[in-house]
Amino acid sequence: MAFALGRLRWTPDAFWRATPRELAAAVEGTRGGSAIAALTPGDLAALMRAFPD
């Protein structure tokens, strides 16, 4: 919590709305962690079929 509020400068509302994965990704990003590969067009199409909205 201190890391998100202090280092990341998230508001309390942003902290409580964030998922554990979002917080982990933010922490990894500040530490120069591994880059996340971009979605391929096929991956995006599959996600759009699975979650139409």
N, C-alpha and C. Protein backbone atom coordinates (compact mmCIF):
# COMPACT_ATOMS: atom_id res chain seq x y z
N MET A 1 0.82 -1.18 0.00
CA MET A 1 0.00 0.00 0.00
C MET A 1 0.87 1.25 0.00
N ALA A 2 1.90 1.24 0.82
CA ALA A 2 2.79 2.40 0.87
C ALA A 2 3.48 2.62 -0.48
N PHE A 3 3.84 1.53 -1.15
CA PHE A 3 4.48 1.64 -2.45
C PHE A 3 3.54 2.28 -3.47
N ALA A 4 2.29 1.82 -3.50
CA ALA A 4 1.32 2.35 -4.46
C ALA A 4 1.01 3.82 -4.19
N LEU A 5 0.82 4.15 -2.93
CA LEU A 5 0.47 5.53 -2.60
C LEU A 5 1.67 6.46 -2.67
N GLY A 6 2.82 5.98 -2.22
CA GLY A 6 4.01 6.83 -2.19
C GLY A 6 4.79 6.85 -3.48
N ARG A 7 5.27 5.70 -3.90
CA ARG A 7 6.13 5.63 -5.10
C ARG A 7 5.34 5.82 -6.39
N LEU A 8 4.20 5.14 -6.49
CA LEU A 8 3.40 5.24 -7.72
C LEU A 8 2.50 6.47 -7.73
N ARG A 9 2.30 7.06 -6.56
CA ARG A 9 1.45 8.24 -6.40
C ARG A 9 0.00 7.97 -6.81
N TRP A 10 -0.46 6.75 -6.55
CA TRP A 10 -1.85 6.42 -6.80
C TRP A 10 -2.70 7.05 -5.71
N THR A 11 -3.91 7.41 -6.05
CA THR A 11 -4.85 7.87 -5.04
C THR A 11 -5.34 6.64 -4.27
N PRO A 12 -5.86 6.84 -3.07
CA PRO A 12 -6.42 5.68 -2.36
C PRO A 12 -7.49 4.96 -3.17
N ASP A 13 -8.32 5.74 -3.89
CA ASP A 13 -9.36 5.13 -4.71
C ASP A 13 -8.75 4.25 -5.81
N ALA A 14 -7.70 4.74 -6.45
CA ALA A 14 -7.04 3.95 -7.50
C ALA A 14 -6.43 2.68 -6.93
N PHE A 15 -5.85 2.79 -5.73
CA PHE A 15 -5.27 1.61 -5.10
C PHE A 15 -6.33 0.56 -4.82
N TRP A 16 -7.44 0.96 -4.22
CA TRP A 16 -8.46 -0.01 -3.84
C TRP A 16 -9.20 -0.58 -5.05
N ARG A 17 -9.21 0.13 -6.16
CA ARG A 17 -9.86 -0.38 -7.37
C ARG A 17 -8.93 -1.27 -8.20
N ALA A 18 -7.65 -1.19 -7.97
CA ALA A 18 -6.68 -1.97 -8.75
C ALA A 18 -6.75 -3.44 -8.36
N THR A 19 -6.51 -4.29 -9.35
CA THR A 19 -6.43 -5.72 -9.07
C THR A 19 -5.01 -6.05 -8.62
N PRO A 20 -4.83 -7.19 -7.97
CA PRO A 20 -3.46 -7.58 -7.61
C PRO A 20 -2.54 -7.66 -8.83
N ARG A 21 -3.06 -8.11 -9.96
CA ARG A 21 -2.23 -8.18 -11.17
C ARG A 21 -1.82 -6.79 -11.65
N GLU A 22 -2.72 -5.82 -11.55
CA GLU A 22 -2.38 -4.46 -11.96
C GLU A 22 -1.29 -3.89 -11.05
N LEU A 23 -1.42 -4.12 -9.76
CA LEU A 23 -0.40 -3.64 -8.83
C LEU A 23 0.94 -4.32 -9.10
N ALA A 24 0.91 -5.63 -9.33
CA ALA A 24 2.15 -6.36 -9.62
C ALA A 24 2.80 -5.85 -10.91
N ALA A 25 1.99 -5.57 -11.93
CA ALA A 25 2.54 -5.05 -13.18
C ALA A 25 3.15 -3.68 -12.98
N ALA A 26 2.52 -2.84 -12.16
CA ALA A 26 3.06 -1.51 -11.89
C ALA A 26 4.38 -1.62 -11.13
N VAL A 27 4.45 -2.50 -10.17
CA VAL A 27 5.68 -2.70 -9.41
C VAL A 27 6.78 -3.20 -10.34
N GLU A 28 6.47 -4.20 -11.16
CA GLU A 28 7.46 -4.74 -12.09
C GLU A 28 7.94 -3.67 -13.07
N GLY A 29 7.03 -2.83 -13.52
CA GLY A 29 7.40 -1.77 -14.45
C GLY A 29 8.35 -0.76 -13.85
N THR A 30 8.19 -0.45 -12.58
CA THR A 30 9.09 0.52 -11.95
C THR A 30 10.46 -0.08 -11.68
N ARG A 31 10.53 -1.40 -11.63
CA ARG A 31 11.80 -2.07 -11.37
C ARG A 31 12.51 -2.47 -12.66
N GLY A 32 11.96 -2.08 -13.80
CA GLY A 32 12.58 -2.43 -15.07
C GLY A 32 12.41 -3.89 -15.41
N GLY A 33 11.27 -4.46 -15.01
CA GLY A 33 11.00 -5.87 -15.26
C GLY A 33 10.85 -6.17 -16.74
N SER A 34 10.57 -7.41 -17.00
CA SER A 34 10.46 -7.86 -18.39
C SER A 34 9.29 -7.18 -19.09
N ALA A 35 9.49 -6.92 -20.36
CA ALA A 35 8.44 -6.30 -21.16
C ALA A 35 7.37 -7.33 -21.47
N ILE A 36 6.15 -6.86 -21.51
CA ILE A 36 5.03 -7.73 -21.85
C ILE A 36 4.83 -7.68 -23.36
N ALA A 37 4.75 -8.84 -23.97
CA ALA A 37 4.58 -8.91 -25.43
C ALA A 37 3.22 -8.34 -25.82
N ALA A 38 3.19 -7.65 -26.94
CA ALA A 38 1.95 -7.10 -27.45
C ALA A 38 1.06 -8.21 -27.98
N LEU A 39 -0.23 -7.96 -27.95
CA LEU A 39 -1.17 -8.92 -28.51
C LEU A 39 -1.00 -9.01 -30.02
N THR A 40 -1.16 -10.20 -30.53
CA THR A 40 -1.18 -10.36 -31.98
C THR A 40 -2.60 -10.08 -32.46
N PRO A 41 -2.79 -9.81 -33.74
CA PRO A 41 -4.16 -9.61 -34.23
C PRO A 41 -5.06 -10.82 -33.94
N GLY A 42 -4.52 -12.02 -34.02
CA GLY A 42 -5.30 -13.21 -33.71
C GLY A 42 -5.71 -13.27 -32.25
N ASP A 43 -4.79 -12.89 -31.36
CA ASP A 43 -5.10 -12.86 -29.93
C ASP A 43 -6.22 -11.87 -29.64
N LEU A 44 -6.13 -10.70 -30.25
CA LEU A 44 -7.16 -9.68 -30.03
C LEU A 44 -8.50 -10.15 -30.56
N ALA A 45 -8.52 -10.77 -31.73
CA ALA A 45 -9.77 -11.27 -32.29
C ALA A 45 -10.39 -12.33 -31.39
N ALA A 46 -9.56 -13.21 -30.82
CA ALA A 46 -10.07 -14.24 -29.92
C ALA A 46 -10.67 -13.62 -28.65
N LEU A 47 -10.02 -12.62 -28.12
CA LEU A 47 -10.55 -11.94 -26.94
C LEU A 47 -11.87 -11.23 -27.26
N MET A 48 -11.96 -10.62 -28.42
CA MET A 48 -13.19 -9.93 -28.80
C MET A 48 -14.33 -10.90 -28.99
N ARG A 49 -14.04 -12.11 -29.49
CA ARG A 49 -15.10 -13.13 -29.61
C ARG A 49 -15.51 -13.64 -28.24
N ALA A 50 -14.55 -13.82 -27.35
CA ALA A 50 -14.83 -14.36 -26.03
C ALA A 50 -15.56 -13.36 -25.13
N PHE A 51 -15.29 -12.08 -25.33
CA PHE A 51 -15.86 -11.04 -24.46
C PHE A 51 -16.50 -9.93 -25.29
N PRO A 52 -17.56 -10.22 -26.02
CA PRO A 52 -18.20 -9.17 -26.83
C PRO A 52 -18.96 -8.21 -25.91
N ASP A 53 -18.82 -6.94 -26.18
CA ASP A 53 -19.59 -5.97 -25.42
C ASP A 53 -19.80 -4.70 -26.17
